[in-house]
């Protein structure tokens, strides 16, 4: 079977890859197991040295890696470069902090001495998406390699070039063969991988359907999983905000990566006192965005990652309009080649519409007027997702109070939602479970072993 990589800007074939055979998969698993037995014995100092080298490899190759991202999934070049730089930061972060995060933790016991030891568990399977093809992988790989585990990557098929480039990063940084390997396989082979005794755990970033399937199979095998799934993040604008600032950041929060981000602001919940002013500025800023070639420096957003994804999102918009939603901007695809969808703004959104109930994974924003803080929280929580969100107010204490009421894994106050190596990342409800990044992320796939000495 051939796996195709197609440029979403012009629909041209970039390259075809042969899917790994069962024999090649077996070789990868055997090598992962063998490498783990050696890698887990390596000191933190040596692991750190190689992880710093991975950061340098990313920095030195950022133009090439960014160009690969842009070709394979349409990310604007300047955003692709920023993604590589962020990956290098994550490598440096875990190179510096991993030993402290995993140092023995003393326990208070009635007699003797007790502590928690954090020991590696073995090969971890990562099933990763196309929207941040380097960052999603690095935030799994950096902490796990530093913990003494080894990684096996099953990346999204449309970014197979990125998958192989990531393997190159760690190989060139001096990690042993088998420490990080990419498998080019179709989705139907994932179940067999999960059932293999050599795979000790799995992490997935993707759709709730994919997460449910992986969790079911892993659960039958009593293997731990971390799931980072969809999001429909609320962007709550209270009556006391600086409207111009909030609206400007709102556009960026919606349109980064052409809106194809699980933590992108998707539902803009605005107090009626500032609703008209906010909407005026928001619309103006959205209209000013330039759509075009992702390689051009003046382009603000390019195509979506695939034509079928653009068609699916447009279908959600059309169904919402059919049920009564109003289109203030966009609402269609431009008459040109590629997986483009125009920046779109919807209002009059009510329960039962796709724009209310579902995740809109692309350049579509929904605006919701509310009359009180309590209504803002109610609308924010009226979602099956709970990944992130933000509250915008000049009253910080008020913002803190509302943040605790929002049902999500993270809430930022007067700050655009974004992941960072030092901050735990993950959701609740149908947005998944477990945490990535920070000290919590590196402890997800280790044996937290209790030792008690009499």
Protein backbone atom coordinates (compact mmCIF):
# COMPACT_ATOMS: atom_id res chain seq x y z
CA UNK A 1 0.00 0.00 0.00
CA UNK A 2 1.21 3.50 -0.85
CA UNK A 3 0.83 6.48 1.49
CA UNK A 4 0.51 9.80 -0.33
CA UNK A 5 1.64 13.23 0.76
CA UNK A 6 -0.28 15.94 -1.14
CA UNK A 7 0.36 19.67 -1.02
CA UNK A 8 -2.95 21.27 0.11
CA UNK A 9 -2.03 24.59 -1.53
CA UNK A 10 -2.09 23.22 -5.08
CA UNK A 11 -3.27 19.59 -4.72
CA UNK A 12 0.00 18.34 -6.21
CA UNK A 13 1.52 15.05 -5.13
CA UNK A 14 4.67 15.61 -3.09
CA UNK A 15 5.73 12.01 -2.60
CA UNK A 16 4.46 8.47 -2.19
CA UNK A 17 5.71 6.26 0.64
CA UNK A 18 5.49 2.50 0.90
CA UNK A 19 3.67 1.39 4.03
CA UNK A 20 5.85 -0.56 6.43
CA UNK A 21 5.29 -4.29 6.15
CA UNK A 22 4.57 -6.61 9.06
CA UNK A 23 8.19 -7.74 8.93
CA UNK A 24 9.41 -4.14 9.16
CA UNK A 25 7.03 -3.45 12.06
CA UNK A 26 8.43 -6.50 13.86
CA UNK A 27 11.96 -5.20 13.34
CA UNK A 28 11.00 -1.81 14.81
CA UNK A 29 9.42 -3.41 17.88
CA UNK A 30 12.39 -5.70 18.46
CA UNK A 31 14.83 -2.83 18.13
CA UNK A 32 12.76 -0.66 20.47
CA UNK A 33 12.76 -3.36 23.14
CA UNK A 34 16.49 -4.03 22.79
CA UNK A 35 17.39 -0.33 22.82
CA UNK A 36 15.25 0.29 25.90
CA UNK A 37 17.21 -2.26 27.93
CA UNK A 38 20.34 -0.20 27.33
CA UNK A 39 18.82 3.29 27.25
CA UNK A 40 17.18 2.98 30.67
CA UNK A 41 20.65 2.52 32.18
CA UNK A 42 22.04 5.70 30.63
CA UNK A 43 22.64 8.56 33.06
CA UNK A 44 20.57 11.73 33.04
CA UNK A 45 23.73 13.64 32.16
CA UNK A 46 24.20 11.65 28.96
CA UNK A 47 20.52 11.80 28.04
CA UNK A 48 20.59 15.55 28.62
CA UNK A 49 23.61 16.00 26.37
CA UNK A 50 21.83 14.28 23.51
CA UNK A 51 18.58 16.17 24.08
CA UNK A 52 20.46 19.48 23.91
CA UNK A 53 21.94 18.19 20.65
CA UNK A 54 18.41 17.52 19.37
CA UNK A 55 17.52 21.13 20.16
CA UNK A 56 20.53 22.31 18.14
CA UNK A 57 19.59 20.01 15.26
CA UNK A 58 16.10 21.53 15.20
CA UNK A 59 17.45 25.07 15.24
CA UNK A 60 20.01 24.42 12.54
CA UNK A 61 17.46 22.72 10.29
CA UNK A 62 14.46 24.91 11.06
CA UNK A 63 14.17 26.38 7.57
CA UNK A 64 14.12 22.95 5.97
CA UNK A 65 11.79 21.43 8.55
CA UNK A 66 9.45 24.41 8.35
CA UNK A 67 9.33 24.17 4.57
CA UNK A 68 8.44 20.49 4.86
CA UNK A 69 5.54 21.33 7.18
CA UNK A 70 4.30 24.04 4.86
CA UNK A 71 4.34 21.71 1.85
CA UNK A 72 2.70 18.77 3.58
CA UNK A 73 -0.10 20.44 5.58
CA UNK A 74 -0.22 24.07 4.47
CA UNK A 75 1.03 25.83 7.60
CA UNK A 76 2.09 29.44 6.98
CA UNK A 77 5.90 29.47 6.79
CA UNK A 78 6.42 31.95 9.63
CA UNK A 79 4.24 29.83 11.92
CA UNK A 80 6.11 26.70 10.87
CA UNK A 81 9.45 28.26 11.84
CA UNK A 82 7.99 29.30 15.19
CA UNK A 83 6.84 25.71 15.73
CA UNK A 84 10.35 24.35 15.20
CA UNK A 85 11.77 26.94 17.58
CA UNK A 86 9.20 25.90 20.17
CA UNK A 87 10.25 22.27 19.72
CA UNK A 88 13.86 23.21 20.40
CA UNK A 89 12.73 25.03 23.55
CA UNK A 90 10.94 21.88 24.77
CA UNK A 91 14.05 19.76 24.19
CA UNK A 92 16.14 22.23 26.17
CA UNK A 93 13.51 22.39 28.91
CA UNK A 94 13.52 18.65 29.54
CA UNK A 95 17.27 18.38 29.11
CA UNK A 96 17.57 20.86 31.97
CA UNK A 97 14.76 19.75 34.28
CA UNK A 98 14.14 16.02 33.76
CA UNK A 99 16.53 14.78 36.43
CA UNK A 100 14.94 17.04 39.05
CA UNK A 101 11.41 16.08 37.97
CA UNK A 102 12.27 12.40 38.35
CA UNK A 103 14.42 12.56 41.48
CA UNK A 104 13.28 10.40 44.40
CA UNK A 105 10.49 12.03 46.40
CA UNK A 106 10.75 11.50 50.19
CA UNK A 107 7.63 10.39 52.06
CA UNK A 108 6.65 10.95 55.67
CA UNK A 109 6.28 7.53 57.28
CA UNK A 110 5.94 6.46 60.95
CA UNK A 111 9.22 4.57 60.95
CA UNK A 112 12.19 4.01 58.68
CA UNK A 113 12.69 5.76 55.36
CA UNK A 114 10.36 5.85 52.35
CA UNK A 115 10.37 7.52 48.96
CA UNK A 116 8.86 7.40 45.47
CA UNK A 117 11.22 6.36 42.68
CA UNK A 118 10.30 7.27 39.09
CA UNK A 119 11.46 4.47 36.78
CA UNK A 120 10.99 4.11 33.00
CA UNK A 121 8.56 1.50 31.68
CA UNK A 122 9.65 0.76 28.10
CA UNK A 123 8.55 1.51 24.54
CA UNK A 124 5.70 4.04 24.29
CA UNK A 125 3.56 4.34 21.16
CA UNK A 126 2.62 7.85 20.03
CA UNK A 127 -0.27 8.34 17.60
CA UNK A 128 0.00 11.91 16.42
CA UNK A 129 -1.96 14.35 14.20
CA UNK A 130 -1.02 16.55 11.27
CA UNK A 131 -1.90 20.02 12.61
CA UNK A 132 1.34 20.60 14.57
CA UNK A 133 3.39 17.82 13.02
CA UNK A 134 6.62 18.57 14.88
CA UNK A 135 5.38 20.09 18.15
CA UNK A 136 2.86 17.36 18.96
CA UNK A 137 5.60 14.75 18.61
CA UNK A 138 8.36 16.59 20.44
CA UNK A 139 6.19 17.23 23.49
CA UNK A 140 5.82 13.45 23.74
CA UNK A 141 9.33 12.46 22.73
CA UNK A 142 11.44 14.88 24.78
CA UNK A 143 10.09 13.94 28.23
CA UNK A 144 9.86 10.23 27.48
CA UNK A 145 13.38 9.91 26.10
CA UNK A 146 14.68 11.85 29.09
CA UNK A 147 12.74 9.50 31.41
CA UNK A 148 14.52 6.49 29.91
CA UNK A 149 11.68 5.26 27.70
CA UNK A 150 11.91 4.83 23.94
CA UNK A 151 9.39 6.09 21.39
CA UNK A 152 7.54 4.62 18.42
CA UNK A 153 5.70 7.16 16.29
CA UNK A 154 2.64 6.50 14.13
CA UNK A 155 2.14 9.89 12.53
CA UNK A 156 -0.75 11.13 10.38
CA UNK A 157 -0.33 9.78 6.86
CA UNK A 158 -0.33 13.20 5.16
CA UNK A 159 2.79 14.27 7.09
CA UNK A 160 4.96 11.20 6.54
CA UNK A 161 7.87 13.40 5.52
CA UNK A 162 7.69 15.14 8.89
CA UNK A 163 7.62 11.76 10.63
CA UNK A 164 10.86 10.71 8.95
CA UNK A 165 12.43 14.12 9.60
CA UNK A 166 11.71 13.75 13.32
CA UNK A 167 13.45 10.39 13.29
CA UNK A 168 16.39 12.14 11.63
CA UNK A 169 16.50 14.80 14.37
CA UNK A 170 17.09 12.27 17.12
CA UNK A 171 19.44 10.12 15.06
CA UNK A 172 21.62 13.12 14.17
CA UNK A 173 21.57 14.18 17.82
CA UNK A 174 23.28 10.93 18.80
CA UNK A 175 20.40 8.95 20.27
CA UNK A 176 20.88 5.21 19.78
CA UNK A 177 19.15 3.38 16.93
CA UNK A 178 15.78 2.32 18.22
CA UNK A 179 15.36 5.14 20.73
CA UNK A 180 12.92 6.94 18.42
CA UNK A 181 11.45 5.28 15.34
CA UNK A 182 8.73 6.29 12.89
CA UNK A 183 6.34 3.74 11.45
CA UNK A 184 4.59 4.63 8.20
CA UNK A 185 1.42 2.59 8.59
CA UNK A 186 -2.30 2.98 8.09
CA UNK A 187 -4.73 3.30 10.97
CA UNK A 188 -5.95 -0.30 10.80
CA UNK A 189 -2.55 -1.56 11.97
CA UNK A 190 -2.57 0.45 15.19
CA UNK A 191 -4.66 -2.08 17.10
CA UNK A 192 -2.12 -4.84 16.59
CA UNK A 193 0.64 -2.52 17.79
CA UNK A 194 -1.28 -1.67 20.94
CA UNK A 195 -1.76 -5.35 21.70
CA UNK A 196 1.91 -6.20 21.30
CA UNK A 197 3.51 -7.00 24.67
CA UNK A 198 6.53 -4.83 23.87
CA UNK A 199 4.44 -1.65 23.70
CA UNK A 200 3.92 -0.62 27.31
CA UNK A 201 1.73 2.48 26.92
CA UNK A 202 0.29 4.83 24.32
CA UNK A 203 -0.43 8.51 23.86
CA UNK A 204 -2.77 9.91 21.24
CA UNK A 205 -3.63 13.38 20.03
CA UNK A 206 -6.58 13.36 17.68
CA UNK A 207 -10.33 12.95 17.37
CA UNK A 208 -12.57 11.61 20.10
CA UNK A 209 -13.41 8.63 17.88
CA UNK A 210 -9.74 7.73 17.52
CA UNK A 211 -9.18 8.29 21.24
CA UNK A 212 -12.08 6.06 22.18
CA UNK A 213 -10.79 3.28 19.94
CA UNK A 214 -7.25 3.46 21.31
CA UNK A 215 -8.47 3.64 24.91
CA UNK A 216 -10.67 0.58 24.39
CA UNK A 217 -7.90 -1.57 22.95
CA UNK A 218 -5.32 -0.38 25.48
CA UNK A 219 -7.80 -0.89 28.30
CA UNK A 220 -8.29 -4.52 27.30
CA UNK A 221 -4.51 -4.92 27.56
CA UNK A 222 -4.35 -2.99 30.88
CA UNK A 223 -2.02 -0.42 29.35
CA UNK A 224 -1.98 3.22 30.32
CA UNK A 225 -2.97 5.90 27.82
CA UNK A 226 -2.92 9.67 27.63
CA UNK A 227 -5.51 11.19 25.31
CA UNK A 228 -5.53 14.78 24.04
CA UNK A 229 -8.65 15.10 21.94
CA UNK A 230 -10.86 17.83 20.54
CA UNK A 231 -11.70 21.20 21.98
CA UNK A 232 -14.24 23.97 21.55
CA UNK A 233 -12.53 26.55 23.70
CA UNK A 234 -14.50 29.51 25.08
CA UNK A 235 -13.07 33.03 24.84
CA UNK A 236 -15.04 34.94 27.49
CA UNK A 237 -15.12 38.72 27.11
CA UNK A 238 -16.45 40.58 30.16
CA UNK A 239 -17.92 44.09 30.19
CA UNK A 240 -14.82 45.85 31.53
CA UNK A 241 -12.32 44.82 28.85
CA UNK A 242 -10.16 46.86 26.52
CA UNK A 243 -12.29 45.94 23.48
CA UNK A 244 -9.67 46.70 20.83
CA UNK A 245 -7.04 44.55 22.53
CA UNK A 246 -9.40 41.67 23.26
CA UNK A 247 -10.76 41.60 19.69
CA UNK A 248 -7.31 41.72 18.13
CA UNK A 249 -6.09 38.80 20.23
CA UNK A 250 -9.37 36.97 19.59
CA UNK A 251 -8.69 36.97 15.85
CA UNK A 252 -5.19 35.61 16.39
CA UNK A 253 -6.52 33.00 18.82
CA UNK A 254 -9.05 31.81 16.22
CA UNK A 255 -6.92 31.95 13.09
CA UNK A 256 -3.51 30.60 14.18
CA UNK A 257 -2.69 27.59 12.01
CA UNK A 258 -5.76 28.43 9.90
CA UNK A 259 -7.88 27.67 12.96
CA UNK A 260 -6.75 24.03 12.97
CA UNK A 261 -5.83 23.76 16.62
CA UNK A 262 -7.54 21.90 19.44
CA UNK A 263 -6.87 24.85 21.77
CA UNK A 264 -7.82 27.58 19.31
CA UNK A 265 -10.51 29.92 20.65
CA UNK A 266 -13.65 28.80 18.86
CA UNK A 267 -16.60 30.22 20.84
CA UNK A 268 -16.46 33.95 21.58
CA UNK A 269 -18.77 34.61 24.51
CA UNK A 270 -19.18 38.38 24.81
CA UNK A 271 -21.05 40.49 27.37
CA UNK A 272 -23.80 42.53 25.74
CA UNK A 273 -22.37 45.77 27.14
CA UNK A 274 -19.40 45.47 24.76
CA UNK A 275 -20.85 43.07 22.19
CA UNK A 276 -21.38 45.57 19.35
CA UNK A 277 -17.99 47.22 19.80
CA UNK A 278 -16.22 43.87 20.06
CA UNK A 279 -17.96 42.51 16.99
CA UNK A 280 -17.10 45.62 14.95
CA UNK A 281 -13.38 45.33 15.70
CA UNK A 282 -13.37 41.54 15.40
CA UNK A 283 -15.00 41.68 11.97
CA UNK A 284 -12.62 44.38 10.77
CA UNK A 285 -9.57 42.38 11.86
CA UNK A 286 -10.90 39.19 10.27
CA UNK A 287 -11.57 40.99 6.99
CA UNK A 288 -8.03 42.34 6.95
CA UNK A 289 -6.46 38.88 7.05
CA UNK A 290 -4.76 37.87 3.81
CA UNK A 291 -5.42 34.39 2.49
CA UNK A 292 -2.93 32.91 0.07
CA UNK A 293 0.34 31.06 -0.53
CA UNK A 294 1.66 29.86 2.85
CA UNK A 295 5.22 30.42 1.63
CA UNK A 296 4.69 34.17 1.25
CA UNK A 297 5.63 36.30 4.22
CA UNK A 298 2.55 38.50 3.89
CA UNK A 299 0.08 35.59 4.04
CA UNK A 300 -1.92 35.39 7.28
CA UNK A 301 -3.57 32.05 6.61
CA UNK A 302 -3.23 29.48 3.89
CA UNK A 303 -5.18 26.36 2.96
CA UNK A 304 -6.53 23.81 5.37
CA UNK A 305 -4.55 20.59 5.58
CA UNK A 306 -6.74 18.59 3.18
CA UNK A 307 -9.65 19.24 0.83
CA UNK A 308 -11.88 16.74 2.60
CA UNK A 309 -11.36 18.64 5.86
CA UNK A 310 -12.37 21.92 4.20
CA UNK A 311 -15.45 20.25 2.74
CA UNK A 312 -16.39 18.78 6.13
CA UNK A 313 -16.09 22.14 7.90
CA UNK A 314 -18.07 23.90 5.19
CA UNK A 315 -20.77 21.28 5.64
CA UNK A 316 -20.97 22.10 9.35
CA UNK A 317 -21.32 25.79 8.49
CA UNK A 318 -24.04 25.18 5.90
CA UNK A 319 -26.03 22.93 8.24
CA UNK A 320 -25.83 25.53 11.00
CA UNK A 321 -27.07 28.22 8.59
CA UNK A 322 -29.87 25.93 7.48
CA UNK A 323 -30.95 25.73 11.13
CA UNK A 324 -30.90 29.51 11.60
CA UNK A 325 -27.33 30.65 12.14
CA UNK A 326 -26.34 33.90 10.43
CA UNK A 327 -23.18 34.36 8.37
CA UNK A 328 -21.54 37.74 8.96
CA UNK A 329 -18.38 36.96 7.01
CA UNK A 330 -17.20 34.25 4.63
CA UNK A 331 -19.15 31.04 4.67
CA UNK A 332 -17.70 29.54 1.51
CA UNK A 333 -14.61 28.42 -0.37
CA UNK A 334 -12.74 30.66 -2.83
CA UNK A 335 -12.69 29.79 -6.50
CA UNK A 336 -9.14 28.53 -6.67
CA UNK A 337 -7.05 25.41 -6.40
CA UNK A 338 -6.29 23.99 -2.99
CA UNK A 339 -7.98 23.21 0.33
CA UNK A 340 -9.00 26.80 1.05
CA UNK A 341 -11.90 27.97 3.18
CA UNK A 342 -12.61 31.66 3.71
CA UNK A 343 -12.44 33.10 7.21
CA UNK A 344 -16.00 32.85 8.53
CA UNK A 345 -17.95 34.48 11.36
CA UNK A 346 -21.30 33.09 12.57
CA UNK A 347 -23.90 34.48 14.99
CA UNK A 348 -27.39 33.44 16.14
CA UNK A 349 -26.00 30.03 17.08
CA UNK A 350 -28.27 27.81 19.17
CA UNK A 351 -28.10 24.30 20.67
CA UNK A 352 -28.57 21.55 18.13
CA UNK A 353 -26.55 23.28 15.43
CA UNK A 354 -23.13 21.86 14.49
CA UNK A 355 -21.67 25.30 15.27
CA UNK A 356 -22.93 24.93 18.84
CA UNK A 357 -22.49 21.23 19.57
CA UNK A 358 -19.44 20.25 17.53
CA UNK A 359 -15.83 21.32 17.20
CA UNK A 360 -15.26 23.61 14.21
CA UNK A 361 -11.70 22.69 13.25
CA UNK A 362 -10.74 25.51 10.92
CA UNK A 363 -11.19 29.23 10.21
CA UNK A 364 -14.75 29.58 11.56
CA UNK A 365 -15.67 31.68 14.63
CA UNK A 366 -18.93 31.66 16.55
CA UNK A 367 -20.03 34.76 18.48
CA UNK A 368 -22.36 34.39 21.50
CA UNK A 369 -23.83 37.43 23.33
CA UNK A 370 -24.51 37.01 27.07
CA UNK A 371 -26.00 39.29 29.70
CA UNK A 372 -24.05 38.27 32.82
CA UNK A 373 -21.00 36.47 34.15
CA UNK A 374 -23.23 33.58 35.18
CA UNK A 375 -24.60 33.21 31.67
CA UNK A 376 -21.08 33.38 30.24
CA UNK A 377 -19.99 30.46 32.42
CA UNK A 378 -23.15 28.51 31.56
CA UNK A 379 -22.57 28.89 27.82
CA UNK A 380 -18.86 28.12 28.20
CA UNK A 381 -19.64 24.88 30.05
CA UNK A 382 -22.46 23.84 27.73
CA UNK A 383 -20.08 21.77 25.66
CA UNK A 384 -18.97 18.17 25.64
CA UNK A 385 -15.38 19.39 25.41
CA UNK A 386 -13.15 20.80 28.13
CA UNK A 387 -9.63 21.43 26.89
CA UNK A 388 -8.89 25.12 27.40
CA UNK A 389 -10.36 28.58 27.54
CA UNK A 390 -9.67 32.18 28.42
CA UNK A 391 -11.29 35.00 30.40
CA UNK A 392 -10.76 38.65 29.49
CA UNK A 393 -11.30 41.28 32.18
CA UNK A 394 -9.52 44.12 33.96
CA UNK A 395 -10.61 42.70 37.33
CA UNK A 396 -8.12 39.91 38.00
CA UNK A 397 -9.91 38.60 41.09
CA UNK A 398 -13.11 38.38 39.07
CA UNK A 399 -11.21 36.56 36.35
CA UNK A 400 -9.77 34.06 38.83
CA UNK A 401 -13.23 33.37 40.24
CA UNK A 402 -14.70 32.72 36.80
CA UNK A 403 -11.72 30.62 35.72
CA UNK A 404 -12.41 28.10 38.49
CA UNK A 405 -15.99 27.78 37.26
CA UNK A 406 -15.04 26.97 33.66
CA UNK A 407 -14.93 23.22 33.07
CA UNK A 408 -11.66 22.76 31.24
CA UNK A 409 -8.12 21.54 31.72
CA UNK A 410 -6.75 25.07 31.53
CA UNK A 411 -8.03 28.64 31.70
CA UNK A 412 -5.86 31.64 30.87
CA UNK A 413 -6.73 35.12 32.11
CA UNK A 414 -5.98 37.97 29.69
CA UNK A 415 -3.73 35.62 27.74
CA UNK A 416 -4.22 33.65 24.56
CA UNK A 417 -4.44 29.93 25.17
CA UNK A 418 -1.21 28.21 24.11
CA UNK A 419 0.90 25.28 25.24
CA UNK A 420 4.33 25.77 26.82
CA UNK A 421 6.88 23.21 28.05
CA UNK A 422 6.63 24.45 31.64
CA UNK A 423 2.81 24.31 31.83
CA UNK A 424 0.71 21.11 32.13
CA UNK A 425 -1.50 20.50 29.11
CA UNK A 426 -4.60 18.31 28.81
CA UNK A 427 -8.35 18.25 29.11
CA UNK A 428 -11.45 16.84 30.76
CA UNK A 429 -14.78 15.55 29.46
CA UNK A 430 -14.48 14.48 25.80
CA UNK A 431 -11.24 16.43 25.45
CA UNK A 432 -9.44 13.48 26.99
CA UNK A 433 -7.41 12.71 30.09
CA UNK A 434 -3.86 12.75 31.35
CA UNK A 435 -1.36 15.56 31.03
CA UNK A 436 1.52 16.44 28.77
CA UNK A 437 4.41 18.84 29.44
CA UNK A 438 5.70 20.21 32.76
CA UNK A 439 6.63 17.76 35.51
CA UNK A 440 3.21 16.11 35.20
CA UNK A 441 3.86 15.12 31.61
CA UNK A 442 7.15 13.37 32.26
CA UNK A 443 5.58 11.36 35.09
CA UNK A 444 2.71 9.95 33.01
CA UNK A 445 4.68 7.03 31.60
CA UNK A 446 6.93 6.02 34.47
CA UNK A 447 6.54 3.49 37.26
CA UNK A 448 5.97 5.58 40.37
CA UNK A 449 7.49 2.99 42.62
CA UNK A 450 7.20 3.17 46.41
CA UNK A 451 10.32 2.12 48.33
CA UNK A 452 10.11 1.74 52.14
CA UNK A 453 13.21 0.85 54.15
CA UNK A 454 12.89 -0.42 57.69
